[in-house]
Amino acid sequence: MQKTLLITGWLGYIGSHAVVEFEKVGYKTAIVDNLSNSKLEVLDKIEKILWYKPKFYKVDLLDKNWLEQVFKENNFDRVIHFAWLKAVGESCEKPLLYFQNNITWSLNLFELMEKYWVKNIIFSSSATVYNLQKNVWEWNRMSENNRGIFENDLFDIVNWDVVLKRGLKETDPTWNTTNPYWRTKYLLEEILKDLAKFSGFNVIALRYFNPIWAHPTWLLWEDPNWIPNNLMPYIMKVLKWELKYLRVFWGDYPTVDGTGVRDYIDVMDLIDWHIQAYLRMSENDGGMSENEWRFDVFNLWVWRGISVLEMIKAVEQVSWKKVSYEIVDRRPGDLAMVYCNADKAKNYLNWRAKTSLEKSIENMLKFYSLS
């Protein structure tokens, strides 16, 4: 029986791109989604790209019995886990909902993976697992002349100036997240570390944030069912007059222009690395002894921090259109700066992001017929 890749949350933005690209390079996929923040029409669009429909199951991961039927009907060898509730503000308002869904979804999945001996998983993690809360508090508190080396709550001395210049590395400390959504990412990384160490799981966690643009066919893109939580789809809805203005959460962060700084990566570059991670995991199949365990992590960012206002200006320059925005109160649990160093991914498999920010914006505007 041909082995198959299980992808959870596949009808979402990143998951749908992953299905198409894995199928195009020859991997069979079976896909699970409860359609809570995605649309069934995405399946028709995938069919237009591939000329066939991949195997789809409308299953909620909270329902372990139905999920087990999926495992019984397929011969999985790997899992890519994309299924998440992922709104920062909502997680602060409804923390139990996020723990119930994100943690329980994943534990049900992991339990069935162990039962059916499917122990290879690529985990969709986030750079938000890094221990930034105390660092950012100290950064905000210090005067310009006194910012520098200070003591971290849980770890040794950290030079935050150096961290900001080089970007966060995989070896930097994690923990102390600022909201329940990010906490679930951290907790599940820790669970997967133990499953790797004690249950023989082979895990690659990919830490990324803010993927942008759409598939080159312009059939797949980020199209949330409600007001977007991510910056780029929000900007696009403002340009299309679907929303009156962009809400910019606060304007006095200790950044270049007072607005939050993040990193962005083209979604096709992101999926390319998932394929590389799959191949890397294949190299390790059957290669571990009983006393060895495998958990590896990679940052998947461009290593270039961009503020909200800088992104607005970049979109305006490419589109020749004005992006209306309004400064509003800070979003609960948010941080001033979060961006990473992707040297490990670049050095290990010579991987790097290939698409510039300007090109991603240009492609997205073409997609929305706004250029």
Protein backbone atom coordinates (compact mmCIF):
# COMPACT_ATOMS: atom_id res chain seq x y z
CA MET A 1 0.00 0.00 0.00
CA GLN A 2 1.29 3.45 -0.94
CA LYS A 3 2.18 5.55 2.05
CA THR A 4 0.36 8.85 2.48
CA LEU A 5 1.04 12.18 4.14
CA LEU A 6 -1.66 13.39 6.57
CA ILE A 7 -2.14 17.16 6.61
CA THR A 8 -4.40 18.70 9.28
CA GLY A 9 -6.03 22.10 8.76
CA TRP A 10 -5.35 21.75 5.06
CA LEU A 11 -8.16 23.98 3.71
CA GLY A 12 -6.63 26.95 5.49
CA TYR A 13 -4.19 29.39 3.94
CA ILE A 14 -0.90 27.56 4.51
CA GLY A 15 -2.33 24.05 4.53
CA SER A 16 -3.94 24.40 1.10
CA HIS A 17 -0.65 25.54 -0.42
CA ALA A 18 1.11 22.61 1.24
CA VAL A 19 -1.33 20.09 -0.25
CA VAL A 20 -0.83 21.41 -3.77
CA GLU A 21 2.95 21.56 -3.62
CA PHE A 22 3.39 18.15 -1.96
CA GLU A 23 1.07 16.55 -4.52
CA LYS A 24 2.92 18.28 -7.37
CA VAL A 25 6.26 16.79 -6.30
CA GLY A 26 4.77 13.32 -6.06
CA TYR A 27 3.60 12.79 -2.48
CA LYS A 28 0.12 11.38 -1.81
CA THR A 29 -1.87 13.41 0.74
CA ALA A 30 -4.96 12.84 2.83
CA ILE A 31 -6.37 15.94 4.40
CA VAL A 32 -8.44 16.71 7.48
CA ASP A 33 -10.26 19.98 8.26
CA ASN A 34 -13.36 20.93 10.27
CA LEU A 35 -13.97 24.06 8.10
CA SER A 36 -14.13 26.33 11.17
CA ASN A 37 -12.05 29.03 9.45
CA SER A 38 -11.84 27.77 5.89
CA LYS A 39 -14.11 27.13 2.95
CA LEU A 40 -14.96 23.95 1.08
CA GLU A 41 -14.60 25.84 -2.22
CA VAL A 42 -10.83 25.65 -1.67
CA LEU A 43 -11.08 21.95 -2.59
CA ASP A 44 -12.47 22.90 -6.02
CA LYS A 45 -9.60 25.35 -6.52
CA ILE A 46 -7.06 22.69 -5.61
CA GLU A 47 -8.71 20.42 -8.17
CA LYS A 48 -8.26 23.13 -10.84
CA ILE A 49 -4.55 23.27 -10.07
CA LEU A 50 -3.92 19.52 -9.81
CA TRP A 51 -6.66 18.26 -12.18
CA TYR A 52 -7.89 15.96 -9.42
CA LYS A 53 -9.16 16.19 -5.84
CA PRO A 54 -6.99 14.90 -3.02
CA LYS A 55 -8.65 12.74 -0.39
CA PHE A 56 -10.57 14.99 2.01
CA TYR A 57 -12.16 14.25 5.40
CA LYS A 58 -14.37 16.76 7.17
CA VAL A 59 -13.35 15.80 10.68
CA ASP A 60 -12.97 17.76 13.89
CA LEU A 61 -9.82 16.67 15.69
CA LEU A 62 -11.78 16.82 18.96
CA ASP A 63 -13.69 13.77 17.73
CA LYS A 64 -11.07 11.08 18.17
CA ASN A 65 -13.35 8.26 16.96
CA TRP A 66 -13.86 9.88 13.55
CA LEU A 67 -10.20 10.78 13.36
CA GLU A 68 -9.28 7.16 14.02
CA GLN A 69 -11.32 6.13 10.98
CA VAL A 70 -9.03 8.32 8.89
CA PHE A 71 -6.01 6.46 10.26
CA LYS A 72 -7.66 3.08 9.61
CA GLU A 73 -8.37 3.94 5.98
CA ASN A 74 -4.87 5.17 5.15
CA ASN A 75 -1.28 4.04 5.46
CA PHE A 76 0.29 7.24 6.81
CA ASP A 77 4.02 7.64 7.24
CA ARG A 78 4.10 11.34 8.18
CA VAL A 79 1.91 14.12 9.53
CA ILE A 80 2.04 17.88 8.95
CA HIS A 81 0.04 19.60 11.66
CA PHE A 82 -1.52 22.97 10.65
CA ALA A 83 -4.85 22.83 12.54
CA TRP A 84 -5.07 25.73 14.99
CA LEU A 85 -7.20 28.46 16.45
CA LYS A 86 -4.78 31.37 16.03
CA ALA A 87 -6.18 34.80 16.93
CA VAL A 88 -4.09 36.51 19.63
CA GLY A 89 -6.89 38.80 20.89
CA GLU A 90 -9.50 36.04 20.93
CA SER A 91 -7.15 33.77 22.86
CA CYS A 92 -6.90 36.42 25.60
CA GLU A 93 -10.70 36.68 25.72
CA LYS A 94 -11.29 32.91 25.56
CA PRO A 95 -8.19 31.16 26.88
CA LEU A 96 -10.02 27.93 27.77
CA LEU A 97 -11.30 27.66 24.20
CA TYR A 98 -7.71 27.81 22.92
CA PHE A 99 -6.39 25.28 25.39
CA GLN A 100 -9.35 22.98 24.76
CA ASN A 101 -8.98 23.10 20.99
CA ASN A 102 -5.29 23.51 20.25
CA ILE A 103 -4.03 21.19 22.98
CA THR A 104 -6.79 18.56 22.81
CA TRP A 105 -6.76 18.51 18.98
CA SER A 106 -3.07 17.81 19.07
CA LEU A 107 -3.14 15.23 21.87
CA ASN A 108 -5.84 13.25 20.03
CA LEU A 109 -3.69 13.36 16.92
CA PHE A 110 -0.51 12.34 18.75
CA GLU A 111 -2.29 9.46 20.50
CA LEU A 112 -3.47 8.01 17.19
CA MET A 113 -0.08 8.57 15.62
CA GLU A 114 1.45 6.45 18.36
CA LYS A 115 -1.28 3.81 18.14
CA TYR A 116 -0.83 3.39 14.39
CA TRP A 117 2.95 3.78 14.52
CA VAL A 118 3.03 7.05 12.54
CA LYS A 119 5.83 8.75 14.41
CA ASN A 120 7.10 11.37 11.96
CA ILE A 121 5.61 14.85 12.31
CA ILE A 122 6.36 18.30 10.93
CA PHE A 123 4.89 20.72 13.42
CA SER A 124 3.69 24.21 12.51
CA SER A 125 5.19 26.17 15.38
CA SER A 126 5.88 29.90 15.78
CA ALA A 127 8.64 32.31 16.65
CA THR A 128 6.34 33.50 19.43
CA VAL A 129 7.54 30.61 21.63
CA TYR A 130 10.69 32.61 22.43
CA ASN A 131 11.02 34.07 25.92
CA LEU A 132 10.35 37.70 25.07
CA GLN A 133 8.01 38.97 27.77
CA LYS A 134 10.61 39.95 30.39
CA ASN A 135 13.05 41.11 27.72
CA VAL A 136 10.53 43.45 26.13
CA TRP A 137 9.37 44.75 29.53
CA GLU A 138 12.96 45.60 30.42
CA TRP A 139 13.54 47.15 26.98
CA ASN A 140 10.50 49.40 27.40
CA ARG A 141 11.50 50.38 30.94
CA MET A 142 15.09 51.39 30.24
CA SER A 143 16.21 54.76 29.02
CA GLU A 144 17.88 54.94 25.59
CA ASN A 145 21.33 55.21 27.15
CA ASN A 146 20.86 52.34 29.60
CA ARG A 147 19.43 49.65 27.34
CA GLY A 148 21.80 46.75 27.05
CA ILE A 149 22.66 43.80 29.22
CA PHE A 150 20.18 42.72 31.86
CA GLU A 151 19.25 39.60 33.78
CA ASN A 152 16.51 37.34 32.39
CA ASP A 153 13.98 35.82 34.82
CA LEU A 154 14.70 32.22 33.90
CA PHE A 155 18.07 32.18 32.16
CA ASP A 156 21.52 33.73 32.24
CA ILE A 157 22.48 37.23 31.14
CA VAL A 158 20.96 38.25 27.80
CA ASN A 159 22.20 41.11 25.64
CA TRP A 160 18.94 42.28 24.09
CA ASP A 161 20.74 44.74 21.77
CA VAL A 162 22.56 41.80 20.20
CA VAL A 163 19.39 39.73 19.95
CA LEU A 164 17.56 42.53 18.17
CA LYS A 165 20.38 43.04 15.68
CA ARG A 166 20.95 39.39 14.81
CA GLY A 167 17.35 38.17 15.15
CA LEU A 168 16.18 35.39 17.44
CA LYS A 169 18.03 32.09 17.04
CA GLU A 170 16.78 28.56 17.68
CA THR A 171 19.16 28.36 20.66
CA ASP A 172 17.60 31.39 22.37
CA PRO A 173 15.41 30.59 25.39
CA THR A 174 11.72 29.82 25.04
CA TRP A 175 8.87 30.15 27.55
CA ASN A 176 7.14 33.11 29.24
CA THR A 177 4.80 33.72 26.31
CA THR A 178 2.39 36.66 26.48
CA ASN A 179 -0.96 35.15 25.42
CA PRO A 180 -2.79 31.78 25.44
CA TYR A 181 -2.42 31.17 21.69
CA TRP A 182 1.36 31.49 21.83
CA ARG A 183 1.35 29.43 25.06
CA THR A 184 -0.27 26.51 23.22
CA LYS A 185 2.50 26.59 20.63
CA TYR A 186 5.15 26.48 23.35
CA LEU A 187 3.41 23.73 25.32
CA LEU A 188 3.05 21.53 22.26
CA GLU A 189 6.70 21.94 21.37
CA GLU A 190 7.51 20.70 24.88
CA ILE A 191 5.08 17.77 24.53
CA LEU A 192 6.66 16.82 21.22
CA LYS A 193 10.13 16.97 22.79
CA ASP A 194 9.01 14.36 25.33
CA LEU A 195 7.35 12.24 22.63
CA ALA A 196 10.62 12.34 20.71
CA LYS A 197 12.63 11.40 23.79
CA PHE A 198 10.36 8.75 25.32
CA SER A 199 8.02 7.51 22.55
CA GLY A 200 10.28 7.42 19.50
CA PHE A 201 8.70 10.33 17.62
CA ASN A 202 10.75 12.06 14.93
CA VAL A 203 9.86 15.77 15.09
CA ILE A 204 10.76 18.86 13.09
CA ALA A 205 9.24 22.06 14.46
CA LEU A 206 9.18 24.99 12.03
CA ARG A 207 8.96 28.38 13.72
CA TYR A 208 7.51 31.04 11.45
CA PHE A 209 5.26 34.04 11.39
CA ASN A 210 3.42 36.24 8.90
CA PRO A 211 3.43 34.33 5.62
CA ILE A 212 2.12 36.52 2.79
CA TRP A 213 0.93 36.44 -0.85
CA ALA A 214 -0.90 33.66 -2.67
CA HIS A 215 -0.30 30.69 -4.95
CA PRO A 216 1.18 31.57 -8.40
CA THR A 217 -2.03 30.33 -10.03
CA TRP A 218 -3.90 33.01 -8.03
CA LEU A 219 -6.42 30.37 -6.99
CA LEU A 220 -5.27 30.05 -3.38
CA TRP A 221 -4.81 32.92 -0.97
CA GLU A 222 -5.45 33.97 2.62
CA ASP A 223 -9.20 34.50 2.82
CA PRO A 224 -10.41 34.32 6.45
CA ASN A 225 -14.13 33.97 7.24
CA TRP A 226 -14.08 37.11 9.41
CA ILE A 227 -12.00 40.25 10.02
CA PRO A 228 -8.34 39.23 9.46
CA ASN A 229 -5.86 38.94 12.31
CA ASN A 230 -2.88 39.11 9.97
CA LEU A 231 -1.63 42.38 8.52
CA MET A 232 -1.51 41.74 4.76
CA PRO A 233 -5.07 40.41 4.23
CA TYR A 234 -6.29 43.29 6.39
CA ILE A 235 -4.48 45.81 4.16
CA MET A 236 -5.94 44.17 1.06
CA LYS A 237 -9.47 44.43 2.44
CA VAL A 238 -8.90 48.15 3.08
CA LEU A 239 -7.66 48.68 -0.47
CA LYS A 240 -10.74 46.87 -1.78
CA TRP A 241 -12.98 49.07 0.41
CA GLU A 242 -14.27 46.02 2.26
CA LEU A 243 -12.99 47.68 5.43
CA LYS A 244 -12.80 51.44 6.00
CA TYR A 245 -9.36 51.52 7.57
CA LEU A 246 -6.56 49.42 9.02
CA ARG A 247 -6.35 49.29 12.79
CA VAL A 248 -2.74 49.85 13.86
CA PHE A 249 -2.35 48.60 17.42
CA TRP A 250 -0.61 51.42 19.27
CA GLY A 251 2.03 53.85 18.08
CA ASP A 252 4.55 54.27 20.88
CA TYR A 253 6.41 50.96 20.93
CA PRO A 254 10.23 51.33 21.20
CA THR A 255 10.64 50.74 17.46
CA VAL A 256 11.73 52.76 14.44
CA ASP A 257 8.33 54.47 14.11
CA GLY A 258 6.41 53.37 17.23
CA THR A 259 4.54 50.51 15.57
CA GLY A 260 5.09 46.79 15.98
CA VAL A 261 7.94 45.13 14.04
CA ARG A 262 7.51 41.68 12.50
CA ASP A 263 9.07 39.55 9.78
CA TYR A 264 7.29 38.34 6.64
CA ILE A 265 7.90 35.41 4.30
CA ASP A 266 6.30 34.52 0.98
CA VAL A 267 4.02 31.51 1.44
CA MET A 268 5.66 29.64 -1.46
CA ASP A 269 9.07 29.99 0.21
CA LEU A 270 7.47 28.70 3.40
CA ILE A 271 6.04 25.60 1.72
CA ASP A 272 9.33 24.94 -0.05
CA TRP A 273 10.97 24.56 3.35
CA HIS A 274 8.22 22.16 4.50
CA ILE A 275 9.17 19.96 1.55
CA GLN A 276 12.85 20.24 2.51
CA ALA A 277 11.95 19.28 6.10
CA TYR A 278 10.05 16.26 4.76
CA LEU A 279 13.09 15.16 2.78
CA ARG A 280 15.36 15.74 5.75
CA MET A 281 13.08 13.60 7.91
CA SER A 282 13.21 10.85 5.27
CA GLU A 283 16.99 10.71 5.67
CA ASN A 284 16.49 9.79 9.33
CA ASP A 285 13.91 7.00 8.88
CA GLY A 286 15.01 3.94 10.78
CA GLY A 287 18.33 5.52 11.67
CA MET A 288 17.86 6.00 15.42
CA SER A 289 18.72 3.52 18.14
CA GLU A 290 16.51 2.97 21.19
CA ASN A 291 18.60 5.41 23.21
CA GLU A 292 18.46 8.23 20.68
CA TRP A 293 15.70 10.78 20.22
CA ARG A 294 15.10 13.36 17.54
CA PHE A 295 13.58 16.82 17.91
CA ASP A 296 14.83 19.58 15.66
CA VAL A 297 13.65 23.15 15.14
CA PHE A 298 14.18 25.77 12.43
CA ASN A 299 13.27 29.42 12.07
CA LEU A 300 11.59 30.13 8.74
CA TRP A 301 11.78 33.87 8.41
CA VAL A 302 13.50 36.32 6.10
CA TRP A 303 15.50 37.89 8.96
CA ARG A 304 14.32 41.40 8.24
CA GLY A 305 12.11 43.19 10.74
CA ILE A 306 9.47 45.48 9.19
CA SER A 307 7.16 47.78 11.13
CA VAL A 308 3.46 48.13 10.41
CA LEU A 309 3.92 51.65 9.02
CA GLU A 310 6.86 50.50 6.88
CA MET A 311 4.65 47.76 5.44
CA ILE A 312 1.89 50.28 4.73
CA LYS A 313 4.38 52.52 2.92
CA ALA A 314 5.73 49.57 0.92
CA VAL A 315 2.22 48.64 -0.22
CA GLU A 316 1.47 52.26 -1.12
CA GLN A 317 4.66 52.55 -3.17
CA VAL A 318 3.92 49.39 -5.16
CA SER A 319 0.17 49.95 -5.57
CA TRP A 320 0.12 53.75 -5.91
CA LYS A 321 -2.88 53.67 -3.60
CA LYS A 322 -3.43 55.14 -0.15
CA VAL A 323 -3.89 52.74 2.77
CA SER A 324 -6.19 54.34 5.35
CA TYR A 325 -5.28 53.48 8.92
CA GLU A 326 -6.03 54.54 12.48
CA ILE A 327 -3.93 54.12 15.63
CA VAL A 328 -5.91 52.20 18.24
CA ASP A 329 -5.24 50.70 21.68
CA ARG A 330 -2.71 47.94 22.08
CA ARG A 331 -3.91 44.41 21.42
CA PRO A 332 -3.75 42.26 24.60
CA GLY A 333 -0.71 40.01 24.69
CA ASP A 334 1.12 41.68 21.79
CA LEU A 335 4.84 42.50 21.60
CA ALA A 336 6.83 45.38 20.13
CA MET A 337 9.37 43.37 18.11
CA VAL A 338 9.43 39.76 16.97
CA TYR A 339 11.72 38.65 14.17
CA CYS A 340 14.18 35.84 13.69
CA ASN A 341 17.49 34.73 12.31
CA ALA A 342 17.15 32.00 9.64
CA ASP A 343 20.87 31.13 9.42
CA LYS A 344 20.35 27.55 10.61
CA ALA A 345 17.92 26.78 7.77
CA LYS A 346 20.25 28.49 5.29
CA ASN A 347 23.37 26.71 6.48
CA TYR A 348 21.92 23.24 6.97
CA LEU A 349 20.31 22.73 3.57
CA ASN A 350 21.36 25.90 1.77
CA TRP A 351 17.77 27.12 2.09
CA ARG A 352 16.83 30.77 1.98
CA ALA A 353 13.77 32.81 1.13
CA LYS A 354 13.78 33.54 -2.60
CA THR A 355 10.99 36.12 -2.90
CA SER A 356 11.49 39.77 -1.96
CA LEU A 357 8.90 41.69 0.01
CA GLU A 358 8.29 44.00 -2.94
CA LYS A 359 7.68 41.04 -5.27
CA SER A 360 5.29 39.44 -2.81
CA ILE A 361 3.33 42.68 -2.55
CA GLU A 362 3.28 43.06 -6.33
CA ASN A 363 1.97 39.53 -6.78
CA MET A 364 -0.66 40.00 -4.12
CA LEU A 365 -1.85 43.23 -5.72
CA LYS A 366 -2.06 41.52 -9.10
CA PHE A 367 -4.13 38.81 -7.50
CA TYR A 368 -6.55 41.36 -6.09
CA SER A 369 -6.50 43.33 -9.42
CA LEU A 370 -5.28 46.43 -7.66
CA SER A 371 -1.95 47.11 -9.39
